[in-house]
Structure formats: C-alpha cells, structure tokens
Amino acid sequence: MVIMPISQTAPMLLTRNLLYTGMTRAKKLLIIIGSKNIIDFMINNNDNKKRNTGLAFKMINI
C-alpha cells in the first residue's frame, strides 16, 4: 500500500515521474491525497531534470 500526499510545492518537484514512481510502487492499493489541480499539473509536467545523485560513485566504493 502506498499513501501519497501531494501538496502545492515547487513545480520542479511536481513531476509526472514522481507520480509514476508512487503508482508503480503500490502493489495492491494507492491512495493519493491532494488537489485534483495539482495532480493534473503533475500528469502534464513532463519536465525531466538531470539528477546528480552520485549513485555511480557510491556503487564503485561499496
């Protein structure tokens, strides 16, 4: 079960990718709590940003 609270925040955080991640993590139940307008914005926000996570560096140093 995934409970996904969505609130008004910086548009760069309200992405379709984040919504998709929450939906795909839910195996049996997804509960989205938030404004329909914000959810609609997320669906239409296909803005992909390059993320500097340092994952490759962390994987090398395990």
PDB file of N, CA and C in Angstrom:
ATOM      1  N   MET A   1       0.848  -1.174   0.000  1.00  0.00           N
ATOM      2  CA  MET A   1       0.000   0.000   0.000  1.00  0.00           C
ATOM      3  C   MET A   1       0.888   1.230   0.000  1.00  0.00           C
ATOM      4  N   VAL A   2       0.532   2.198  -0.821  1.00  0.00           N
ATOM      5  CA  VAL A   2       1.245   3.474  -0.865  1.00  0.00           C
ATOM      6  C   VAL A   2       0.240   4.585  -0.594  1.00  0.00           C
ATOM      7  N   ILE A   3       0.575   5.451   0.356  1.00  0.00           N
ATOM      8  CA  ILE A   3      -0.203   6.663   0.604  1.00  0.00           C
ATOM      9  C   ILE A   3       0.665   7.810   0.135  1.00  0.00           C
ATOM     10  N   MET A   4       0.187   8.562  -0.846  1.00  0.00           N
ATOM     11  CA  MET A   4       0.978   9.603  -1.486  1.00  0.00           C
ATOM     12  C   MET A   4       0.330  10.962  -1.251  1.00  0.00           C
ATOM     13  N   PRO A   5       0.813  11.701  -0.242  1.00  0.00           N
ATOM     14  CA  PRO A   5       0.289  13.053  -0.041  1.00  0.00           C
ATOM     15  C   PRO A   5       0.951  14.005  -1.039  1.00  0.00           C
ATOM     16  N   ILE A   6       0.151  14.767  -1.732  1.00  0.00           N
ATOM     17  CA  ILE A   6       0.656  15.713  -2.728  1.00  0.00           C
ATOM     18  C   ILE A   6       0.149  17.090  -2.352  1.00  0.00           C
ATOM     19  N   SER A   7       1.078  18.011  -2.165  1.00  0.00           N
ATOM     20  CA  SER A   7       0.687  19.370  -1.802  1.00  0.00           C
ATOM     21  C   SER A   7       1.364  20.366  -2.740  1.00  0.00           C
ATOM     22  N   GLN A   8       0.885  21.592  -2.692  1.00  0.00           N
ATOM     23  CA  GLN A   8       1.461  22.653  -3.520  1.00  0.00           C
ATOM     24  C   GLN A   8       2.893  22.908  -3.071  1.00  0.00           C
ATOM     25  N   THR A   9       3.821  22.773  -4.000  1.00  0.00           N
ATOM     26  CA  THR A   9       5.234  22.986  -3.721  1.00  0.00           C
ATOM     27  C   THR A   9       5.898  23.475  -4.999  1.00  0.00           C
ATOM     28  N   ALA A  10       7.202  23.501  -5.020  1.00  0.00           N
ATOM     29  CA  ALA A  10       7.921  23.964  -6.206  1.00  0.00           C
ATOM     30  C   ALA A  10       7.559  23.095  -7.406  1.00  0.00           C
ATOM     31  N   PRO A  11       7.236  23.711  -8.554  1.00  0.00           N
ATOM     32  CA  PRO A  11       6.843  22.943  -9.740  1.00  0.00           C
ATOM     33  C   PRO A  11       7.884  21.913 -10.177  1.00  0.00           C
ATOM     34  N   MET A  12       9.153  22.162  -9.889  1.00  0.00           N
ATOM     35  CA  MET A  12      10.176  21.203 -10.296  1.00  0.00           C
ATOM     36  C   MET A  12      10.062  19.877  -9.544  1.00  0.00           C
ATOM     37  N   LEU A  13       9.342  19.871  -8.423  1.00  0.00           N
ATOM     38  CA  LEU A  13       9.136  18.647  -7.654  1.00  0.00           C
ATOM     39  C   LEU A  13       7.848  17.925  -8.044  1.00  0.00           C
ATOM     40  N   LEU A  14       6.961  18.635  -8.718  1.00  0.00           N
ATOM     41  CA  LEU A  14       5.667  18.064  -9.094  1.00  0.00           C
ATOM     42  C   LEU A  14       5.747  17.510 -10.509  1.00  0.00           C
ATOM     43  N   THR A  15       6.417  16.386 -10.653  1.00  0.00           N
ATOM     44  CA  THR A  15       6.651  15.828 -11.977  1.00  0.00           C
ATOM     45  C   THR A  15       5.847  14.560 -12.205  1.00  0.00           C
ATOM     46  N   ARG A  16       5.660  14.249 -13.452  1.00  0.00           N
ATOM     47  CA  ARG A  16       4.994  13.017 -13.845  1.00  0.00           C
ATOM     48  C   ARG A  16       5.779  11.816 -13.348  1.00  0.00           C
ATOM     49  N   ASN A  17       7.121  11.919 -13.357  1.00  0.00           N
ATOM     50  CA  ASN A  17       7.969  10.811 -12.909  1.00  0.00           C
ATOM     51  C   ASN A  17       7.707  10.462 -11.448  1.00  0.00           C
ATOM     52  N   LEU A  18       7.536  11.472 -10.609  1.00  0.00           N
ATOM     53  CA  LEU A  18       7.267  11.217  -9.189  1.00  0.00           C
ATOM     54  C   LEU A  18       5.922  10.515  -9.018  1.00  0.00           C
ATOM     55  N   LEU A  19       4.929  10.969  -9.738  1.00  0.00           N
ATOM     56  CA  LEU A  19       3.610  10.346  -9.675  1.00  0.00           C
ATOM     57  C   LEU A  19       3.681   8.896 -10.160  1.00  0.00           C
ATOM     58  N   TYR A  20       4.401   8.668 -11.249  1.00  0.00           N
ATOM     59  CA  TYR A  20       4.565   7.322 -11.798  1.00  0.00           C
ATOM     60  C   TYR A  20       5.272   6.406 -10.793  1.00  0.00           C
ATOM     61  N   THR A  21       6.287   6.922 -10.126  1.00  0.00           N
ATOM     62  CA  THR A  21       7.006   6.117  -9.131  1.00  0.00           C
ATOM     63  C   THR A  21       6.080   5.671  -8.015  1.00  0.00           C
ATOM     64  N   GLY A  22       5.277   6.582  -7.506  1.00  0.00           N
ATOM     65  CA  GLY A  22       4.319   6.218  -6.456  1.00  0.00           C
ATOM     66  C   GLY A  22       3.335   5.170  -6.920  1.00  0.00           C
ATOM     67  N   MET A  23       2.870   5.319  -8.161  1.00  0.00           N
ATOM     68  CA  MET A  23       1.884   4.375  -8.697  1.00  0.00           C
ATOM     69  C   MET A  23       2.492   2.986  -8.897  1.00  0.00           C
ATOM     70  N   THR A  24       3.722   2.923  -9.369  1.00  0.00           N
ATOM     71  CA  THR A  24       4.322   1.618  -9.634  1.00  0.00           C
ATOM     72  C   THR A  24       4.802   0.927  -8.362  1.00  0.00           C
ATOM     73  N   ARG A  25       5.014   1.666  -7.288  1.00  0.00           N
ATOM     74  CA  ARG A  25       5.425   1.054  -6.018  1.00  0.00           C
ATOM     75  C   ARG A  25       4.246   0.419  -5.297  1.00  0.00           C
ATOM     76  N   ALA A  26       3.054   0.911  -5.595  1.00  0.00           N
ATOM     77  CA  ALA A  26       1.853   0.373  -4.948  1.00  0.00           C
ATOM     78  C   ALA A  26       1.529  -0.980  -5.555  1.00  0.00           C
ATOM     79  N   LYS A  27       1.564  -2.013  -4.767  1.00  0.00           N
ATOM     80  CA  LYS A  27       1.280  -3.362  -5.263  1.00  0.00           C
ATOM     81  C   LYS A  27      -0.209  -3.670  -5.223  1.00  0.00           C
ATOM     82  N   LYS A  28      -0.898  -3.211  -4.182  1.00  0.00           N
ATOM     83  CA  LYS A  28      -2.313  -3.532  -4.058  1.00  0.00           C
ATOM     84  C   LYS A  28      -3.195  -2.293  -3.957  1.00  0.00           C
ATOM     85  N   LEU A  29      -2.670  -1.230  -3.329  1.00  0.00           N
ATOM     86  CA  LEU A  29      -3.515  -0.069  -3.085  1.00  0.00           C
ATOM     87  C   LEU A  29      -2.688   1.205  -3.152  1.00  0.00           C
ATOM     88  N   LEU A  30      -3.211   2.204  -3.868  1.00  0.00           N
ATOM     89  CA  LEU A  30      -2.595   3.534  -3.930  1.00  0.00           C
ATOM     90  C   LEU A  30      -3.632   4.542  -3.479  1.00  0.00           C
ATOM     91  N   ILE A  31      -3.266   5.344  -2.492  1.00  0.00           N
ATOM     92  CA  ILE A  31      -4.126   6.423  -2.028  1.00  0.00           C
ATOM     93  C   ILE A  31      -3.383   7.718  -2.285  1.00  0.00           C
ATOM     94  N   ILE A  32      -3.970   8.577  -3.129  1.00  0.00           N
ATOM     95  CA  ILE A  32      -3.379   9.884  -3.411  1.00  0.00           C
ATOM     96  C   ILE A  32      -4.213  10.919  -2.686  1.00  0.00           C
ATOM     97  N   ILE A  33      -3.552  11.713  -1.851  1.00  0.00           N
ATOM     98  CA  ILE A  33      -4.225  12.760  -1.090  1.00  0.00           C
ATOM     99  C   ILE A  33      -3.712  14.095  -1.614  1.00  0.00           C
ATOM    100  N   GLY A  34      -4.608  14.881  -2.186  1.00  0.00           N
ATOM    101  CA  GLY A  34      -4.194  16.174  -2.711  1.00  0.00           C
ATOM    102  C   GLY A  34      -5.224  16.747  -3.661  1.00  0.00           C
ATOM    103  N   SER A  35      -4.922  17.914  -4.144  1.00  0.00           N
ATOM    104  CA  SER A  35      -5.805  18.638  -5.036  1.00  0.00           C
ATOM    105  C   SER A  35      -5.777  18.035  -6.436  1.00  0.00           C
ATOM    106  N   LYS A  36      -6.936  17.921  -7.057  1.00  0.00           N
ATOM    107  CA  LYS A  36      -7.013  17.424  -8.421  1.00  0.00           C
ATOM    108  C   LYS A  36      -6.219  18.325  -9.361  1.00  0.00           C
ATOM    109  N   ASN A  37      -6.212  19.628  -9.107  1.00  0.00           N
ATOM    110  CA  ASN A  37      -5.456  20.554  -9.957  1.00  0.00           C
ATOM    111  C   ASN A  37      -3.964  20.250  -9.913  1.00  0.00           C
ATOM    112  N   ILE A  38      -3.450  19.941  -8.744  1.00  0.00           N
ATOM    113  CA  ILE A  38      -2.022  19.632  -8.615  1.00  0.00           C
ATOM    114  C   ILE A  38      -1.707  18.303  -9.284  1.00  0.00           C
ATOM    115  N   ILE A  39      -2.582  17.325  -9.122  1.00  0.00           N
ATOM    116  CA  ILE A  39      -2.371  16.025  -9.767  1.00  0.00           C
ATOM    117  C   ILE A  39      -2.409  16.188 -11.286  1.00  0.00           C
ATOM    118  N   ASP A  40      -3.346  16.977 -11.793  1.00  0.00           N
ATOM    119  CA  ASP A  40      -3.398  17.251 -13.231  1.00  0.00           C
ATOM    120  C   ASP A  40      -2.122  17.930 -13.701  1.00  0.00           C
ATOM    121  N   PHE A  41      -1.598  18.865 -12.893  1.00  0.00           N
ATOM    122  CA  PHE A  41      -0.341  19.533 -13.240  1.00  0.00           C
ATOM    123  C   PHE A  41       0.789  18.507 -13.340  1.00  0.00           C
ATOM    124  N   MET A  42       0.837  17.579 -12.394  1.00  0.00           N
ATOM    125  CA  MET A  42       1.880  16.552 -12.401  1.00  0.00           C
ATOM    126  C   MET A  42       1.780  15.670 -13.640  1.00  0.00           C
ATOM    127  N   ILE A  43       0.571  15.309 -14.012  1.00  0.00           N
ATOM    128  CA  ILE A  43       0.380  14.471 -15.194  1.00  0.00           C
ATOM    129  C   ILE A  43       0.902  15.177 -16.437  1.00  0.00           C
ATOM    130  N   ASN A  44       0.681  16.474 -16.520  1.00  0.00           N
ATOM    131  CA  ASN A  44       1.090  17.244 -17.695  1.00  0.00           C
ATOM    132  C   ASN A  44       2.524  17.755 -17.624  1.00  0.00           C
ATOM    133  N   ASN A  45       3.164  17.635 -16.462  1.00  0.00           N
ATOM    134  CA  ASN A  45       4.528  18.136 -16.286  1.00  0.00           C
ATOM    135  C   ASN A  45       5.516  17.034 -16.660  1.00  0.00           C
ATOM    136  N   ASN A  46       5.994  17.082 -17.886  1.00  0.00           N
ATOM    137  CA  ASN A  46       6.925  16.072 -18.385  1.00  0.00           C
ATOM    138  C   ASN A  46       8.352  16.616 -18.385  1.00  0.00           C
ATOM    139  N   ASP A  47       8.644  17.515 -17.480  1.00  0.00           N
ATOM    140  CA  ASP A  47       9.951  18.161 -17.399  1.00  0.00           C
ATOM    141  C   ASP A  47      10.935  17.244 -16.678  1.00  0.00           C
ATOM    142  N   ASN A  48      11.935  16.771 -17.393  1.00  0.00           N
ATOM    143  CA  ASN A  48      12.945  15.894 -16.803  1.00  0.00           C
ATOM    144  C   ASN A  48      14.197  16.690 -16.498  1.00  0.00           C
ATOM    145  N   LYS A  49      14.642  16.607 -15.289  1.00  0.00           N
ATOM    146  CA  LYS A  49      15.875  17.269 -14.860  1.00  0.00           C
ATOM    147  C   LYS A  49      16.954  16.228 -14.653  1.00  0.00           C
ATOM    148  N   LYS A  50      18.181  16.601 -14.962  1.00  0.00           N
ATOM    149  CA  LYS A  50      19.309  15.715 -14.679  1.00  0.00           C
ATOM    150  C   LYS A  50      19.527  15.719 -13.171  1.00  0.00           C
ATOM    151  N   ARG A  51      19.565  14.540 -12.597  1.00  0.00           N
ATOM    152  CA  ARG A  51      19.747  14.430 -11.152  1.00  0.00           C
ATOM    153  C   ARG A  51      21.173  14.002 -10.853  1.00  0.00           C
ATOM    154  N   ASN A  52      21.828  14.735  -9.989  1.00  0.00           N
ATOM    155  CA  ASN A  52      23.189  14.429  -9.566  1.00  0.00           C
ATOM    156  C   ASN A  52      23.132  13.680  -8.242  1.00  0.00           C
ATOM    157  N   THR A  53      22.906  12.369  -8.328  1.00  0.00           N
ATOM    158  CA  THR A  53      22.730  11.573  -7.114  1.00  0.00           C
ATOM    159  C   THR A  53      24.043  11.022  -6.572  1.00  0.00           C
ATOM    160  N   GLY A  54      25.062  10.934  -7.439  1.00  0.00           N
ATOM    161  CA  GLY A  54      26.315  10.329  -7.004  1.00  0.00           C
ATOM    162  C   GLY A  54      26.219   8.822  -6.892  1.00  0.00           C
ATOM    163  N   LEU A  55      25.177   8.230  -7.516  1.00  0.00           N
ATOM    164  CA  LEU A  55      24.973   6.797  -7.392  1.00  0.00           C
ATOM    165  C   LEU A  55      26.132   5.989  -7.962  1.00  0.00           C
ATOM    166  N   ALA A  56      26.639   6.382  -9.119  1.00  0.00           N
ATOM    167  CA  ALA A  56      27.752   5.634  -9.719  1.00  0.00           C
ATOM    168  C   ALA A  56      28.965   5.621  -8.791  1.00  0.00           C
ATOM    169  N   PHE A  57      29.279   6.755  -8.178  1.00  0.00           N
ATOM    170  CA  PHE A  57      30.389   6.856  -7.245  1.00  0.00           C
ATOM    171  C   PHE A  57      30.156   5.959  -6.025  1.00  0.00           C
ATOM    172  N   LYS A  58      28.953   5.960  -5.519  1.00  0.00           N
ATOM    173  CA  LYS A  58      28.624   5.140  -4.357  1.00  0.00           C
ATOM    174  C   LYS A  58      28.728   3.655  -4.673  1.00  0.00           C
ATOM    175  N   MET A  59      28.318   3.263  -5.886  1.00  0.00           N
ATOM    176  CA  MET A  59      28.383   1.854  -6.276  1.00  0.00           C
ATOM    177  C   MET A  59      29.824   1.373  -6.417  1.00  0.00           C
ATOM    178  N   ILE A  60      30.716   2.238  -6.870  1.00  0.00           N
ATOM    179  CA  ILE A  60      32.131   1.869  -7.023  1.00  0.00           C
ATOM    180  C   ILE A  60      32.777   1.671  -5.669  1.00  0.00           C
ATOM    181  N   ASN A  61      32.370   2.445  -4.682  1.00  0.00           N
ATOM    182  CA  ASN A  61      33.017   2.437  -3.372  1.00  0.00           C
ATOM    183  C   ASN A  61      32.316   1.533  -2.350  1.00  0.00           C
ATOM    184  N   ILE A  62      31.542   0.592  -2.812  1.00  0.00           N
ATOM    185  CA  ILE A  62      30.876  -0.323  -1.863  1.00  0.00           C
ATOM    186  C   ILE A  62      31.851  -1.392  -1.421  1.00  0.00           C
TER     187      ILE A  62
END
